[in-house]
Amino acid sequence: MVKDLAFIAYSVKDAPTAARFYREVIGLEPGSESFGDHWIEFNVGTATFGVGNGEGLGIAPGSSSGAAFEVDDIAAMRERLLARGVKVTEIHTFPSGCSACFAWDPDGNQFAVHQKR
């Protein structure tokens, strides 16, 4: 029985560079676990978001997607990303009332910025 989400892992070419992006541009809080320049973790709610080179596991850098980061102000976050040169879509509002925009990290991994009603 699944009881929680353990982690989301994104494959990147250069973990320290990716870590700087997710820390400084996205604003994620560094986690307590990292393994040198190979794997770096961030705390996101009850889950962990990690970046590392997954080529040895058959996961090409830039092929990851699926992470959706919840924010309080999606418009402000979108503007923050644009100001830092991040490719980001327009904000989409869905019938359930939530909103999301999609962006790409320096390796080409796609993620969403999401705001509940």
PDB file of N, CA and C in Angstrom:
ATOM      1  N   MET A   1       0.845  -1.189   0.000  1.00  0.00           N
ATOM      2  CA  MET A   1       0.000   0.000   0.000  1.00  0.00           C
ATOM      3  C   MET A   1       0.888   1.249   0.000  1.00  0.00           C
ATOM      4  N   VAL A   2       0.642   2.167  -0.905  1.00  0.00           N
ATOM      5  CA  VAL A   2       1.399   3.414  -0.979  1.00  0.00           C
ATOM      6  C   VAL A   2       0.915   4.343   0.130  1.00  0.00           C
ATOM      7  N   LYS A   3       1.852   4.911   0.871  1.00  0.00           N
ATOM      8  CA  LYS A   3       1.465   5.793   1.973  1.00  0.00           C
ATOM      9  C   LYS A   3       1.941   7.228   1.827  1.00  0.00           C
ATOM     10  N   ASP A   4       2.875   7.493   0.898  1.00  0.00           N
ATOM     11  CA  ASP A   4       3.376   8.852   0.719  1.00  0.00           C
ATOM     12  C   ASP A   4       4.205   8.882  -0.557  1.00  0.00           C
ATOM     13  N   LEU A   5       4.595  10.049  -0.980  1.00  0.00           N
ATOM     14  CA  LEU A   5       5.520  10.206  -2.090  1.00  0.00           C
ATOM     15  C   LEU A   5       6.908  10.365  -1.496  1.00  0.00           C
ATOM     16  N   ALA A   6       7.806   9.445  -1.804  1.00  0.00           N
ATOM     17  CA  ALA A   6       9.151   9.466  -1.227  1.00  0.00           C
ATOM     18  C   ALA A   6      10.003  10.561  -1.853  1.00  0.00           C
ATOM     19  N   PHE A   7      10.129  10.539  -3.178  1.00  0.00           N
ATOM     20  CA  PHE A   7      10.928  11.551  -3.848  1.00  0.00           C
ATOM     21  C   PHE A   7      10.603  11.610  -5.328  1.00  0.00           C
ATOM     22  N   ILE A   8      10.997  12.710  -5.921  1.00  0.00           N
ATOM     23  CA  ILE A   8      10.982  12.888  -7.365  1.00  0.00           C
ATOM     24  C   ILE A   8      12.424  13.154  -7.749  1.00  0.00           C
ATOM     25  N   ALA A   9      12.932  12.461  -8.760  1.00  0.00           N
ATOM     26  CA  ALA A   9      14.310  12.621  -9.190  1.00  0.00           C
ATOM     27  C   ALA A   9      14.363  13.137 -10.620  1.00  0.00           C
ATOM     28  N   TYR A  10      15.178  14.140 -10.838  1.00  0.00           N
ATOM     29  CA  TYR A  10      15.401  14.681 -12.179  1.00  0.00           C
ATOM     30  C   TYR A  10      16.837  14.401 -12.584  1.00  0.00           C
ATOM     31  N   SER A  11      17.007  13.889 -13.784  1.00  0.00           N
ATOM     32  CA  SER A  11      18.339  13.615 -14.305  1.00  0.00           C
ATOM     33  C   SER A  11      18.906  14.877 -14.960  1.00  0.00           C
ATOM     34  N   VAL A  12      20.118  15.225 -14.553  1.00  0.00           N
ATOM     35  CA  VAL A  12      20.795  16.424 -15.046  1.00  0.00           C
ATOM     36  C   VAL A  12      22.236  16.083 -15.413  1.00  0.00           C
ATOM     37  N   LYS A  13      22.850  16.916 -16.225  1.00  0.00           N
ATOM     38  CA  LYS A  13      24.250  16.711 -16.593  1.00  0.00           C
ATOM     39  C   LYS A  13      25.184  17.107 -15.458  1.00  0.00           C
ATOM     40  N   ASP A  14      24.863  18.194 -14.781  1.00  0.00           N
ATOM     41  CA  ASP A  14      25.739  18.781 -13.771  1.00  0.00           C
ATOM     42  C   ASP A  14      24.896  19.081 -12.525  1.00  0.00           C
ATOM     43  N   ALA A  15      24.972  18.216 -11.532  1.00  0.00           N
ATOM     44  CA  ALA A  15      24.127  18.361 -10.339  1.00  0.00           C
ATOM     45  C   ALA A  15      24.356  19.675  -9.588  1.00  0.00           C
ATOM     46  N   PRO A  16      25.604  20.132  -9.376  1.00  0.00           N
ATOM     47  CA  PRO A  16      25.766  21.410  -8.672  1.00  0.00           C
ATOM     48  C   PRO A  16      25.126  22.594  -9.404  1.00  0.00           C
ATOM     49  N   THR A  17      25.223  22.618 -10.739  1.00  0.00           N
ATOM     50  CA  THR A  17      24.597  23.698 -11.507  1.00  0.00           C
ATOM     51  C   THR A  17      23.082  23.609 -11.393  1.00  0.00           C
ATOM     52  N   ALA A  18      22.546  22.404 -11.507  1.00  0.00           N
ATOM     53  CA  ALA A  18      21.096  22.214 -11.362  1.00  0.00           C
ATOM     54  C   ALA A  18      20.642  22.591  -9.961  1.00  0.00           C
ATOM     55  N   ALA A  19      21.426  22.229  -8.961  1.00  0.00           N
ATOM     56  CA  ALA A  19      21.076  22.560  -7.576  1.00  0.00           C
ATOM     57  C   ALA A  19      21.006  24.066  -7.378  1.00  0.00           C
ATOM     58  N   ARG A  20      21.950  24.802  -7.961  1.00  0.00           N
ATOM     59  CA  ARG A  20      21.912  26.266  -7.865  1.00  0.00           C
ATOM     60  C   ARG A  20      20.636  26.808  -8.502  1.00  0.00           C
ATOM     61  N   PHE A  21      20.247  26.258  -9.668  1.00  0.00           N
ATOM     62  CA  PHE A  21      19.025  26.697 -10.336  1.00  0.00           C
ATOM     63  C   PHE A  21      17.816  26.476  -9.429  1.00  0.00           C
ATOM     64  N   TYR A  22      17.667  25.272  -8.903  1.00  0.00           N
ATOM     65  CA  TYR A  22      16.489  24.972  -8.088  1.00  0.00           C
ATOM     66  C   TYR A  22      16.499  25.706  -6.745  1.00  0.00           C
ATOM     67  N   ARG A  23      17.684  26.003  -6.227  1.00  0.00           N
ATOM     68  CA  ARG A  23      17.788  26.746  -4.966  1.00  0.00           C
ATOM     69  C   ARG A  23      17.578  28.241  -5.206  1.00  0.00           C
ATOM     70  N   GLU A  24      18.332  28.818  -6.151  1.00  0.00           N
ATOM     71  CA  GLU A  24      18.335  30.265  -6.327  1.00  0.00           C
ATOM     72  C   GLU A  24      17.201  30.793  -7.199  1.00  0.00           C
ATOM     73  N   VAL A  25      16.831  30.080  -8.239  1.00  0.00           N
ATOM     74  CA  VAL A  25      15.796  30.553  -9.151  1.00  0.00           C
ATOM     75  C   VAL A  25      14.412  30.109  -8.691  1.00  0.00           C
ATOM     76  N   ILE A  26      14.262  28.831  -8.380  1.00  0.00           N
ATOM     77  CA  ILE A  26      12.956  28.314  -7.953  1.00  0.00           C
ATOM     78  C   ILE A  26      12.705  28.603  -6.477  1.00  0.00           C
ATOM     79  N   GLY A  27      13.757  28.594  -5.666  1.00  0.00           N
ATOM     80  CA  GLY A  27      13.613  28.900  -4.242  1.00  0.00           C
ATOM     81  C   GLY A  27      13.421  27.685  -3.362  1.00  0.00           C
ATOM     82  N   LEU A  28      13.850  26.502  -3.825  1.00  0.00           N
ATOM     83  CA  LEU A  28      13.711  25.297  -3.010  1.00  0.00           C
ATOM     84  C   LEU A  28      14.699  25.295  -1.850  1.00  0.00           C
ATOM     85  N   GLU A  29      14.272  24.680  -0.764  1.00  0.00           N
ATOM     86  CA  GLU A  29      15.085  24.572   0.451  1.00  0.00           C
ATOM     87  C   GLU A  29      15.964  23.323   0.369  1.00  0.00           C
ATOM     88  N   PRO A  30      17.294  23.497   0.491  1.00  0.00           N
ATOM     89  CA  PRO A  30      18.168  22.316   0.451  1.00  0.00           C
ATOM     90  C   PRO A  30      17.794  21.310   1.533  1.00  0.00           C
ATOM     91  N   GLY A  31      17.872  20.042   1.179  1.00  0.00           N
ATOM     92  CA  GLY A  31      17.587  18.974   2.129  1.00  0.00           C
ATOM     93  C   GLY A  31      18.815  18.616   2.931  1.00  0.00           C
ATOM     94  N   SER A  32      18.668  17.646   3.790  1.00  0.00           N
ATOM     95  CA  SER A  32      19.774  17.228   4.647  1.00  0.00           C
ATOM     96  C   SER A  32      20.663  16.197   3.975  1.00  0.00           C
ATOM     97  N   GLU A  33      20.220  15.625   2.874  1.00  0.00           N
ATOM     98  CA  GLU A  33      20.995  14.587   2.188  1.00  0.00           C
ATOM     99  C   GLU A  33      21.530  15.079   0.857  1.00  0.00           C
ATOM    100  N   SER A  34      22.792  14.849   0.640  1.00  0.00           N
ATOM    101  CA  SER A  34      23.389  15.034  -0.677  1.00  0.00           C
ATOM    102  C   SER A  34      24.623  14.145  -0.707  1.00  0.00           C
ATOM    103  N   PHE A  35      24.980  13.747  -1.875  1.00  0.00           N
ATOM    104  CA  PHE A  35      26.102  12.843  -2.029  1.00  0.00           C
ATOM    105  C   PHE A  35      27.090  13.475  -2.985  1.00  0.00           C
ATOM    106  N   GLY A  36      27.868  14.427  -2.451  1.00  0.00           N
ATOM    107  CA  GLY A  36      28.859  15.117  -3.258  1.00  0.00           C
ATOM    108  C   GLY A  36      28.212  15.831  -4.430  1.00  0.00           C
ATOM    109  N   ASP A  37      28.862  15.746  -5.576  1.00  0.00           N
ATOM    110  CA  ASP A  37      28.349  16.388  -6.777  1.00  0.00           C
ATOM    111  C   ASP A  37      27.467  15.463  -7.597  1.00  0.00           C
ATOM    112  N   HIS A  38      27.103  14.308  -7.036  1.00  0.00           N
ATOM    113  CA  HIS A  38      26.348  13.313  -7.792  1.00  0.00           C
ATOM    114  C   HIS A  38      24.844  13.361  -7.538  1.00  0.00           C
ATOM    115  N   TRP A  39      24.432  13.714  -6.335  1.00  0.00           N
ATOM    116  CA  TRP A  39      23.013  13.698  -5.967  1.00  0.00           C
ATOM    117  C   TRP A  39      22.779  14.759  -4.905  1.00  0.00           C
ATOM    118  N   ILE A  40      21.842  15.662  -5.168  1.00  0.00           N
ATOM    119  CA  ILE A  40      21.544  16.747  -4.241  1.00  0.00           C
ATOM    120  C   ILE A  40      20.033  16.778  -4.033  1.00  0.00           C
ATOM    121  N   GLU A  41      19.610  16.874  -2.774  1.00  0.00           N
ATOM    122  CA  GLU A  41      18.185  16.830  -2.438  1.00  0.00           C
ATOM    123  C   GLU A  41      17.671  18.159  -1.905  1.00  0.00           C
ATOM    124  N   PHE A  42      16.357  18.354  -2.105  1.00  0.00           N
ATOM    125  CA  PHE A  42      15.637  19.515  -1.593  1.00  0.00           C
ATOM    126  C   PHE A  42      14.391  19.032  -0.870  1.00  0.00           C
ATOM    127  N   ASN A  43      13.997  19.736   0.188  1.00  0.00           N
ATOM    128  CA  ASN A  43      12.765  19.434   0.906  1.00  0.00           C
ATOM    129  C   ASN A  43      11.614  20.158   0.213  1.00  0.00           C
ATOM    130  N   VAL A  44      10.568  19.405  -0.130  1.00  0.00           N
ATOM    131  CA  VAL A  44       9.370  19.989  -0.736  1.00  0.00           C
ATOM    132  C   VAL A  44       8.181  19.347  -0.035  1.00  0.00           C
ATOM    133  N   GLY A  45       7.615  20.045   0.941  1.00  0.00           N
ATOM    134  CA  GLY A  45       6.530  19.462   1.723  1.00  0.00           C
ATOM    135  C   GLY A  45       7.018  18.202   2.419  1.00  0.00           C
ATOM    136  N   THR A  46       6.275  17.112   2.269  1.00  0.00           N
ATOM    137  CA  THR A  46       6.680  15.851   2.888  1.00  0.00           C
ATOM    138  C   THR A  46       7.558  15.015   1.964  1.00  0.00           C
ATOM    139  N   ALA A  47       7.782  15.498   0.755  1.00  0.00           N
ATOM    140  CA  ALA A  47       8.571  14.740  -0.226  1.00  0.00           C
ATOM    141  C   ALA A  47       9.955  15.353  -0.404  1.00  0.00           C
ATOM    142  N   THR A  48      10.746  14.690  -1.204  1.00  0.00           N
ATOM    143  CA  THR A  48      12.082  15.148  -1.547  1.00  0.00           C
ATOM    144  C   THR A  48      12.165  15.285  -3.063  1.00  0.00           C
ATOM    145  N   PHE A  49      12.789  16.359  -3.503  1.00  0.00           N
ATOM    146  CA  PHE A  49      13.088  16.561  -4.915  1.00  0.00           C
ATOM    147  C   PHE A  49      14.595  16.468  -5.048  1.00  0.00           C
ATOM    148  N   GLY A  50      15.062  15.562  -5.893  1.00  0.00           N
ATOM    149  CA  GLY A  50      16.496  15.369  -6.040  1.00  0.00           C
ATOM    150  C   GLY A  50      16.958  15.563  -7.461  1.00  0.00           C
ATOM    151  N   VAL A  51      18.201  16.033  -7.602  1.00  0.00           N
ATOM    152  CA  VAL A  51      18.825  16.168  -8.914  1.00  0.00           C
ATOM    153  C   VAL A  51      20.140  15.413  -8.911  1.00  0.00           C
ATOM    154  N   GLY A  52      20.398  14.727 -10.006  1.00  0.00           N
ATOM    155  CA  GLY A  52      21.641  13.989 -10.164  1.00  0.00           C
ATOM    156  C   GLY A  52      21.718  13.420 -11.566  1.00  0.00           C
ATOM    157  N   ASN A  53      22.884  12.967 -11.960  1.00  0.00           N
ATOM    158  CA  ASN A  53      23.045  12.397 -13.289  1.00  0.00           C
ATOM    159  C   ASN A  53      22.538  10.965 -13.279  1.00  0.00           C
ATOM    160  N   GLY A  54      21.438  10.736 -13.982  1.00  0.00           N
ATOM    161  CA  GLY A  54      20.808   9.414 -14.012  1.00  0.00           C
ATOM    162  C   GLY A  54      21.189   8.578 -15.213  1.00  0.00           C
ATOM    163  N   GLU A  55      22.204   9.008 -15.962  1.00  0.00           N
ATOM    164  CA  GLU A  55      22.584   8.269 -17.170  1.00  0.00           C
ATOM    165  C   GLU A  55      22.932   6.817 -16.877  1.00  0.00           C
ATOM    166  N   GLY A  56      23.569   6.554 -15.739  1.00  0.00           N
ATOM    167  CA  GLY A  56      23.920   5.190 -15.378  1.00  0.00           C
ATOM    168  C   GLY A  56      22.707   4.313 -15.134  1.00  0.00           C
ATOM    169  N   LEU A  57      21.572   4.939 -14.885  1.00  0.00           N
ATOM    170  CA  LEU A  57      20.315   4.213 -14.675  1.00  0.00           C
ATOM    171  C   LEU A  57      19.459   4.207 -15.936  1.00  0.00           C
ATOM    172  N   GLY A  58      19.993   4.780 -17.015  1.00  0.00           N
ATOM    173  CA  GLY A  58      19.255   4.836 -18.267  1.00  0.00           C
ATOM    174  C   GLY A  58      18.326   6.022 -18.392  1.00  0.00           C
ATOM    175  N   ILE A  59      18.510   7.038 -17.557  1.00  0.00           N
ATOM    176  CA  ILE A  59      17.655   8.220 -17.593  1.00  0.00           C
ATOM    177  C   ILE A  59      18.487   9.380 -18.131  1.00  0.00           C
ATOM    178  N   ALA A  60      18.197   9.795 -19.341  1.00  0.00           N
ATOM    179  CA  ALA A  60      18.973  10.853 -19.986  1.00  0.00           C
ATOM    180  C   ALA A  60      18.708  12.198 -19.325  1.00  0.00           C
ATOM    181  N   PRO A  61      19.757  12.983 -19.071  1.00  0.00           N
ATOM    182  CA  PRO A  61      19.545  14.344 -18.586  1.00  0.00           C
ATOM    183  C   PRO A  61      18.630  15.111 -19.540  1.00  0.00           C
ATOM    184  N   GLY A  62      17.702  15.856 -18.974  1.00  0.00           N
ATOM    185  CA  GLY A  62      16.765  16.632 -19.772  1.00  0.00           C
ATOM    186  C   GLY A  62      15.499  15.897 -20.154  1.00  0.00           C
ATOM    187  N   SER A  63      15.369  14.645 -19.741  1.00  0.00           N
ATOM    188  CA  SER A  63      14.183  13.863 -20.107  1.00  0.00           C
ATOM    189  C   SER A  63      13.160  13.760 -18.975  1.00  0.00           C
ATOM    190  N   SER A  64      13.430  14.389 -17.850  1.00  0.00           N
ATOM    191  CA  SER A  64      12.537  14.280 -16.698  1.00  0.00           C
ATOM    192  C   SER A  64      11.396  15.293 -16.793  1.00  0.00           C
ATOM    193  N   SER A  65      10.271  14.912 -16.220  1.00  0.00           N
ATOM    194  CA  SER A  65       9.117  15.815 -16.128  1.00  0.00           C
ATOM    195  C   SER A  65       8.216  15.284 -15.025  1.00  0.00           C
ATOM    196  N   GLY A  66       7.226  16.040 -14.682  1.00  0.00           N
ATOM    197  CA  GLY A  66       6.248  15.564 -13.715  1.00  0.00           C
ATOM    198  C   GLY A  66       6.225  16.326 -12.408  1.00  0.00           C
ATOM    199  N   ALA A  67       7.305  17.018 -12.055  1.00  0.00           N
ATOM    200  CA  ALA A  67       7.294  17.775 -10.805  1.00  0.00           C
ATOM    201  C   ALA A  67       6.400  18.998 -10.977  1.00  0.00           C
ATOM    202  N   ALA A  68       5.564  19.249  -9.985  1.00  0.00           N
ATOM    203  CA  ALA A  68       4.718  20.435  -9.965  1.00  0.00           C
ATOM    204  C   ALA A  68       4.906  21.087  -8.603  1.00  0.00           C
ATOM    205  N   PHE A  69       5.455  22.277  -8.611  1.00  0.00           N
ATOM    206  CA  PHE A  69       5.753  22.990  -7.373  1.00  0.00           C
ATOM    207  C   PHE A  69       4.600  23.925  -7.035  1.00  0.00           C
ATOM    208  N   GLU A  70       4.018  23.737  -5.855  1.00  0.00           N
ATOM    209  CA  GLU A  70       2.883  24.541  -5.398  1.00  0.00           C
ATOM    210  C   GLU A  70       3.384  25.892  -4.892  1.00  0.00           C
ATOM    211  N   VAL A  71       2.731  26.973  -5.333  1.00  0.00           N
ATOM    212  CA  VAL A  71       3.103  28.330  -4.919  1.00  0.00           C
ATOM    213  C   VAL A  71       1.870  29.084  -4.444  1.00  0.00           C
ATOM    214  N   ASP A  72       2.096  30.176  -3.720  1.00  0.00           N
ATOM    215  CA  ASP A  72       1.007  31.027  -3.252  1.00  0.00           C
ATOM    216  C   ASP A  72       0.586  32.045  -4.304  1.00  0.00           C
ATOM    217  N   ASP A  73       1.543  32.460  -5.160  1.00  0.00           N
ATOM    218  CA  ASP A  73       1.274  33.499  -6.152  1.00  0.00           C
ATOM    219  C   ASP A  73       1.925  33.091  -7.471  1.00  0.00           C
ATOM    220  N   ILE A  74       1.151  32.435  -8.323  1.00  0.00           N
ATOM    221  CA  ILE A  74       1.696  31.904  -9.569  1.00  0.00           C
ATOM    222  C   ILE A  74       2.166  33.016 -10.512  1.00  0.00           C
ATOM    223  N   ALA A  75       1.448  34.133 -10.544  1.00  0.00           N
ATOM    224  CA  ALA A  75       1.850  35.226 -11.429  1.00  0.00           C
ATOM    225  C   ALA A  75       3.210  35.783 -11.013  1.00  0.00           C
ATOM    226  N   ALA A  76       3.424  35.940  -9.720  1.00  0.00           N
ATOM    227  CA  ALA A  76       4.712  36.442  -9.234  1.00  0.00           C
ATOM    228  C   ALA A  76       5.833  35.453  -9.530  1.00  0.00           C
ATOM    229  N   MET A  77       5.569  34.162  -9.367  1.00  0.00           N
ATOM    230  CA  MET A  77       6.597  33.172  -9.660  1.00  0.00           C
ATOM    231  C   MET A  77       6.911  33.144 -11.146  1.00  0.00           C
ATOM    232  N   ARG A  78       5.902  33.253 -11.977  1.00  0.00           N
ATOM    233  CA  ARG A  78       6.140  33.281 -13.421  1.00  0.00           C
ATOM    234  C   ARG A  78       7.003  34.475 -13.791  1.00  0.00           C
ATOM    235  N   GLU A  79       6.715  35.625 -13.226  1.00  0.00           N
ATOM    236  CA  GLU A  79       7.520  36.826 -13.491  1.00  0.00           C
ATOM    237  C   GLU A  79       8.951  36.644 -12.999  1.00  0.00           C
ATOM    238  N   ARG A  80       9.114  36.014 -11.854  1.00  0.00           N
ATOM    239  CA  ARG A  80      10.455  35.732 -11.320  1.00  0.00           C
ATOM    240  C   ARG A  80      11.245  34.864 -12.304  1.00  0.00           C
ATOM    241  N   LEU A  81      10.594  33.819 -12.826  1.00  0.00           N
ATOM    242  CA  LEU A  81      11.256  32.932 -13.778  1.00  0.00           C
ATOM    243  C   LEU A  81      11.629  33.681 -15.055  1.00  0.00           C
ATOM    244  N   LEU A  82      10.706  34.458 -15.588  1.00  0.00           N
ATOM    245  CA  LEU A  82      10.980  35.225 -16.796  1.00  0.00           C
ATOM    246  C   LEU A  82      12.146  36.190 -16.592  1.00  0.00           C
ATOM    247  N   ALA A  83      12.167  36.849 -15.443  1.00  0.00           N
ATOM    248  CA  ALA A  83      13.233  37.810 -15.143  1.00  0.00           C
ATOM    249  C   ALA A  83      14.601  37.141 -15.082  1.00  0.00           C
ATOM    250  N   ARG A  84      14.614  35.849 -14.803  1.00  0.00           N
ATOM    251  CA  ARG A  84      15.884  35.117 -14.722  1.00  0.00           C
ATOM    252  C   ARG A  84      16.171  34.334 -16.002  1.00  0.00           C
ATOM    253  N   GLY A  85      15.417  34.628 -17.050  1.00  0.00           N
ATOM    254  CA  GLY A  85      15.684  34.032 -18.348  1.00  0.00           C
ATOM    255  C   GLY A  85      15.206  32.604 -18.531  1.00  0.00           C
ATOM    256  N   VAL A  86      14.282  32.170 -17.686  1.00  0.00           N
ATOM    257  CA  VAL A  86      13.763  30.807 -17.774  1.00  0.00           C
ATOM    258  C   VAL A  86      12.638  30.765 -18.811  1.00  0.00           C
ATOM    259  N   LYS A  87      12.649  29.755 -19.659  1.00  0.00           N
ATOM    260  CA  LYS A  87      11.558  29.551 -20.614  1.00  0.00           C
ATOM    261  C   LYS A  87      10.338  29.077 -19.826  1.00  0.00           C
ATOM    262  N   VAL A  88       9.239  29.814 -19.954  1.00  0.00           N
ATOM    263  CA  VAL A  88       8.028  29.493 -19.195  1.00  0.00           C
ATOM    264  C   VAL A  88       6.799  29.835 -20.039  1.00  0.00           C
ATOM    265  N   THR A  89       5.771  28.994 -19.952  1.00  0.00           N
ATOM    266  CA  THR A  89       4.541  29.211 -20.712  1.00  0.00           C
ATOM    267  C   THR A  89       3.665  30.257 -20.028  1.00  0.00           C
ATOM    268  N   GLU A  90       2.611  30.599 -20.723  1.00  0.00           N
ATOM    269  CA  GLU A  90       1.573  31.425 -20.113  1.00  0.00           C
ATOM    270  C   GLU A  90       0.921  30.621 -18.993  1.00  0.00           C
ATOM    271  N   ILE A  91       0.186  31.294 -18.131  1.00  0.00           N
ATOM    272  CA  ILE A  91      -0.543  30.625 -17.056  1.00  0.00           C
ATOM    273  C   ILE A  91      -1.854  30.079 -17.617  1.00  0.00           C
ATOM    274  N   HIS A  92      -2.113  28.815 -17.340  1.00  0.00           N
ATOM    275  CA  HIS A  92      -3.347  28.162 -17.761  1.00  0.00           C
ATOM    276  C   HIS A  92      -4.242  27.983 -16.537  1.00  0.00           C
ATOM    277  N   THR A  93      -5.517  28.307 -16.664  1.00  0.00           N
ATOM    278  CA  THR A  93      -6.482  28.078 -15.590  1.00  0.00           C
ATOM    279  C   THR A  93      -7.344  26.901 -16.009  1.00  0.00           C
ATOM    280  N   PHE A  94      -7.499  25.953 -15.107  1.00  0.00           N
ATOM    281  CA  PHE A  94      -8.222  24.725 -15.400  1.00  0.00           C
ATOM    282  C   PHE A  94      -9.620  24.777 -14.803  1.00  0.00           C
ATOM    283  N   PRO A  95     -10.567  23.967 -15.317  1.00  0.00           N
ATOM    284  CA  PRO A  95     -11.949  23.992 -14.842  1.00  0.00           C
ATOM    285  C   PRO A  95     -12.089  23.802 -13.323  1.00  0.00           C
ATOM    286  N   SER A  96     -11.157  23.095 -12.720  1.00  0.00           N
ATOM    287  CA  SER A  96     -11.224  22.888 -11.266  1.00  0.00           C
ATOM    288  C   SER A  96     -10.854  24.147 -10.497  1.00  0.00           C
ATOM    289  N   GLY A  97     -10.377  25.184 -11.215  1.00  0.00           N
ATOM    290  CA  GLY A  97     -10.035  26.437 -10.559  1.00  0.00           C
ATOM    291  C   GLY A  97      -8.565  26.606 -10.272  1.00  0.00           C
ATOM    292  N   CYS A  98      -7.774  25.565 -10.450  1.00  0.00           N
ATOM    293  CA  CYS A  98      -6.340  25.698 -10.221  1.00  0.00           C
ATOM    294  C   CYS A  98      -5.679  26.284 -11.462  1.00  0.00           C
ATOM    295  N   SER A  99      -4.463  26.768 -11.289  1.00  0.00           N
ATOM    296  CA  SER A  99      -3.705  27.350 -12.390  1.00  0.00           C
ATOM    297  C   SER A  99      -2.318  26.738 -12.423  1.00  0.00           C
ATOM    298  N   ALA A 100      -1.730  26.704 -13.627  1.00  0.00           N
ATOM    299  CA  ALA A 100      -0.373  26.182 -13.773  1.00  0.00           C
ATOM    300  C   ALA A 100       0.298  26.820 -14.977  1.00  0.00           C
ATOM    301  N   CYS A 101       1.603  26.910 -14.887  1.00  0.00           N
ATOM    302  CA  CYS A 101       2.418  27.247 -16.041  1.00  0.00           C
ATOM    303  C   CYS A 101       3.562  26.243 -16.051  1.00  0.00           C
ATOM    304  N   PHE A 102       4.174  26.096 -17.190  1.00  0.00           N
ATOM    305  CA  PHE A 102       5.200  25.070 -17.357  1.00  0.00           C
ATOM    306  C   PHE A 102       6.505  25.734 -17.744  1.00  0.00           C
ATOM    307  N   ALA A 103       7.598  25.209 -17.197  1.00  0.00           N
ATOM    308  CA  ALA A 103       8.913  25.791 -17.419  1.00  0.00           C
ATOM    309  C   ALA A 103       9.946  24.678 -17.580  1.00  0.00           C
ATOM    310  N   TRP A 104      11.142  25.086 -17.979  1.00  0.00           N
ATOM    311  CA  TRP A 104      12.217  24.124 -18.222  1.00  0.00           C
ATOM    312  C   TRP A 104      13.474  24.565 -17.502  1.00  0.00           C
ATOM    313  N   ASP A 105      14.142  23.585 -16.875  1.00  0.00           N
ATOM    314  CA  ASP A 105      15.413  23.881 -16.209  1.00  0.00           C
ATOM    315  C   ASP A 105      16.530  23.948 -17.252  1.00  0.00           C
ATOM    316  N   PRO A 106      17.752  24.294 -16.860  1.00  0.00           N
ATOM    317  CA  PRO A 106      18.835  24.439 -17.837  1.00  0.00           C
ATOM    318  C   PRO A 106      19.144  23.164 -18.635  1.00  0.00           C
ATOM    319  N   ASP A 107      18.795  21.986 -18.119  1.00  0.00           N
ATOM    320  CA  ASP A 107      19.029  20.739 -18.842  1.00  0.00           C
ATOM    321  C   ASP A 107      17.896  20.394 -19.792  1.00  0.00           C
ATOM    322  N   GLY A 108      16.770  21.102 -19.687  1.00  0.00           N
ATOM    323  CA  GLY A 108      15.613  20.816 -20.527  1.00  0.00           C
ATOM    324  C   GLY A 108      14.543  19.989 -19.841  1.00  0.00           C
ATOM    325  N   ASN A 109      14.715  19.698 -18.553  1.00  0.00           N
ATOM    326  CA  ASN A 109      13.681  18.999 -17.788  1.00  0.00           C
ATOM    327  C   ASN A 109      12.493  19.944 -17.591  1.00  0.00           C
ATOM    328  N   GLN A 110      11.288  19.433 -17.803  1.00  0.00           N
ATOM    329  CA  GLN A 110      10.091  20.249 -17.656  1.00  0.00           C
ATOM    330  C   GLN A 110       9.515  20.106 -16.250  1.00  0.00           C
ATOM    331  N   PHE A 111       9.038  21.217 -15.701  1.00  0.00           N
ATOM    332  CA  PHE A 111       8.337  21.194 -14.420  1.00  0.00           C
ATOM    333  C   PHE A 111       7.179  22.174 -14.500  1.00  0.00           C
ATOM    334  N   ALA A 112       6.255  22.036 -13.562  1.00  0.00           N
ATOM    335  CA  ALA A 112       5.109  22.945 -13.497  1.00  0.00           C
ATOM    336  C   ALA A 112       5.194  23.794 -12.239  1.00  0.00           C
ATOM    337  N   VAL A 113       4.658  24.975 -12.352  1.00  0.00           N
ATOM    338  CA  VAL A 113       4.406  25.835 -11.202  1.00  0.00           C
ATOM    339  C   VAL A 113       2.887  25.844 -11.083  1.00  0.00           C
ATOM    340  N   HIS A 114       2.369  25.545  -9.900  1.00  0.00           N
ATOM    341  CA  HIS A 114       0.949  25.300  -9.715  1.00  0.00           C
ATOM    342  C   HIS A 114       0.413  26.114  -8.549  1.00  0.00           C
ATOM    343  N   GLN A 115      -0.828  26.575  -8.688  1.00  0.00           N
ATOM    344  CA  GLN A 115      -1.495  27.261  -7.582  1.00  0.00           C
ATOM    345  C   GLN A 115      -2.914  26.751  -7.480  1.00  0.00           C
ATOM    346  N   LYS A 116      -3.250  26.236  -6.293  1.00  0.00           N
ATOM    347  CA  LYS A 116      -4.630  25.809  -6.036  1.00  0.00           C
ATOM    348  C   LYS A 116      -5.502  27.032  -5.935  1.00  0.00           C
ATOM    349  N   ARG A 117      -6.795  26.831  -6.050  1.00  0.00           N
ATOM    350  CA  ARG A 117      -7.753  27.944  -5.986  1.00  0.00           C
ATOM    351  C   ARG A 117      -7.399  28.978  -4.985  1.00  0.00           C
TER     352      ARG A 117
END
